[in-house]
């Protein structure tokens, strides 16, 4: 089964899915929670060392809001300004790389 759940709805989906009693669903949700905790822990651990969030394909939906905790507002504003200049109609991946408004 292929499943697509938006990140903001994931917590509610996980709560409902756990109620199903299906062991495979429960195991998958527990693994996802563990991975999310690991990701958050790694992000917090790199912060004092001056590390940053990065990926070979740039920021994605998960990092878009998290980056506001690690990078100066001026850098995020610059990214937002460049996005508006290059994509004035906001047609290319709207709100995927930078949110329309500052998340701080």
Protein backbone atom coordinates (compact mmCIF):
# COMPACT_ATOMS: atom_id res chain seq x y z
CA UNK A 1 0.00 0.00 0.00
CA UNK A 2 1.26 3.47 -0.89
CA UNK A 3 0.34 6.17 1.58
CA UNK A 4 0.77 9.92 1.35
CA UNK A 5 0.13 11.95 4.50
CA UNK A 6 1.14 15.59 4.80
CA UNK A 7 3.66 16.32 7.54
CA UNK A 8 1.28 18.57 9.53
CA UNK A 9 -1.33 15.77 9.61
CA UNK A 10 1.16 13.03 10.49
CA UNK A 11 0.69 13.13 14.27
CA UNK A 12 -3.10 12.83 14.05
CA UNK A 13 -2.75 10.08 11.42
CA UNK A 14 -0.33 8.16 13.65
CA UNK A 15 -2.69 8.40 16.64
CA UNK A 16 -5.60 7.07 14.59
CA UNK A 17 -3.51 4.36 12.93
CA UNK A 18 -2.28 3.09 16.31
CA UNK A 19 -5.89 2.54 17.34
CA UNK A 20 -6.25 0.01 14.52
CA UNK A 21 -4.46 -2.60 16.59
CA UNK A 22 -2.57 -3.80 13.50
CA UNK A 23 0.90 -4.88 14.68
CA UNK A 24 2.56 -3.92 11.40
CA UNK A 25 1.08 -0.41 11.57
CA UNK A 26 2.08 -0.03 15.22
CA UNK A 27 5.65 -1.20 14.50
CA UNK A 28 5.96 1.18 11.57
CA UNK A 29 4.71 4.10 13.64
CA UNK A 30 7.13 3.27 16.47
CA UNK A 31 10.01 3.15 13.99
CA UNK A 32 8.96 6.49 12.52
CA UNK A 33 8.79 8.05 15.99
CA UNK A 34 12.27 6.72 16.80
CA UNK A 35 13.67 8.11 13.54
CA UNK A 36 12.02 11.49 14.18
CA UNK A 37 13.50 11.58 17.70
CA UNK A 38 16.93 10.69 16.29
CA UNK A 39 16.65 13.42 13.66
CA UNK A 40 15.67 16.02 16.24
CA UNK A 41 18.45 14.89 18.61
CA UNK A 42 21.05 15.14 15.86
CA UNK A 43 19.81 18.61 14.91
CA UNK A 44 20.08 19.79 18.50
CA UNK A 45 23.53 18.22 18.95
CA UNK A 46 25.01 20.00 15.93
CA UNK A 47 23.67 23.43 16.91
CA UNK A 48 26.30 24.37 19.55
CA UNK A 49 29.08 23.22 17.21
CA UNK A 50 27.95 25.60 14.47
CA UNK A 51 26.62 22.83 12.27
CA UNK A 52 23.75 23.28 9.89
CA UNK A 53 20.96 21.39 8.25
CA UNK A 54 21.93 20.32 4.78
CA UNK A 55 21.12 17.76 2.15
CA UNK A 56 22.31 17.06 -1.33
CA UNK A 57 19.03 18.38 -2.73
CA UNK A 58 18.58 21.34 -0.38
CA UNK A 59 15.93 21.94 2.23
CA UNK A 60 12.67 20.07 2.21
CA UNK A 61 9.36 20.33 4.02
CA UNK A 62 10.74 18.89 7.26
CA UNK A 63 13.69 21.26 7.46
CA UNK A 64 11.90 24.35 6.17
CA UNK A 65 10.62 25.43 9.58
CA UNK A 66 13.43 23.87 11.62
CA UNK A 67 16.06 25.98 9.88
CA UNK A 68 14.64 29.09 11.54
CA UNK A 69 16.17 27.81 14.80
CA UNK A 70 19.65 27.41 13.33
CA UNK A 71 20.21 30.08 10.72
CA UNK A 72 20.06 33.87 11.11
CA UNK A 73 16.83 35.52 10.02
CA UNK A 74 18.72 37.56 7.44
CA UNK A 75 19.81 34.39 5.63
CA UNK A 76 16.27 33.04 5.54
CA UNK A 77 14.98 36.42 4.36
CA UNK A 78 17.59 36.37 1.59
CA UNK A 79 16.39 32.91 0.51
CA UNK A 80 12.81 34.18 0.54
CA UNK A 81 13.77 37.27 -1.52
CA UNK A 82 15.62 35.16 -4.09
CA UNK A 83 12.64 32.81 -4.33
CA UNK A 84 10.30 35.77 -5.00
CA UNK A 85 12.67 37.15 -7.65
CA UNK A 86 13.10 33.84 -9.47
CA UNK A 87 9.52 32.65 -9.03
CA UNK A 88 7.26 35.70 -8.67
CA UNK A 89 4.13 33.60 -9.18
CA UNK A 90 5.23 31.13 -6.47
CA UNK A 91 4.45 28.26 -8.84
CA UNK A 92 7.58 26.17 -8.24
CA UNK A 93 7.26 24.16 -5.03
CA UNK A 94 5.27 26.79 -3.12
CA UNK A 95 6.24 26.96 0.57
CA UNK A 96 8.51 23.92 0.26
CA UNK A 97 11.93 25.57 0.60
CA UNK A 98 11.00 28.73 2.49
CA UNK A 99 7.67 29.60 3.98
CA UNK A 100 5.93 32.68 2.64
CA UNK A 101 6.14 34.21 6.12
CA UNK A 102 8.89 33.94 8.70
CA UNK A 103 8.22 31.02 11.08
CA UNK A 104 9.98 32.70 14.05
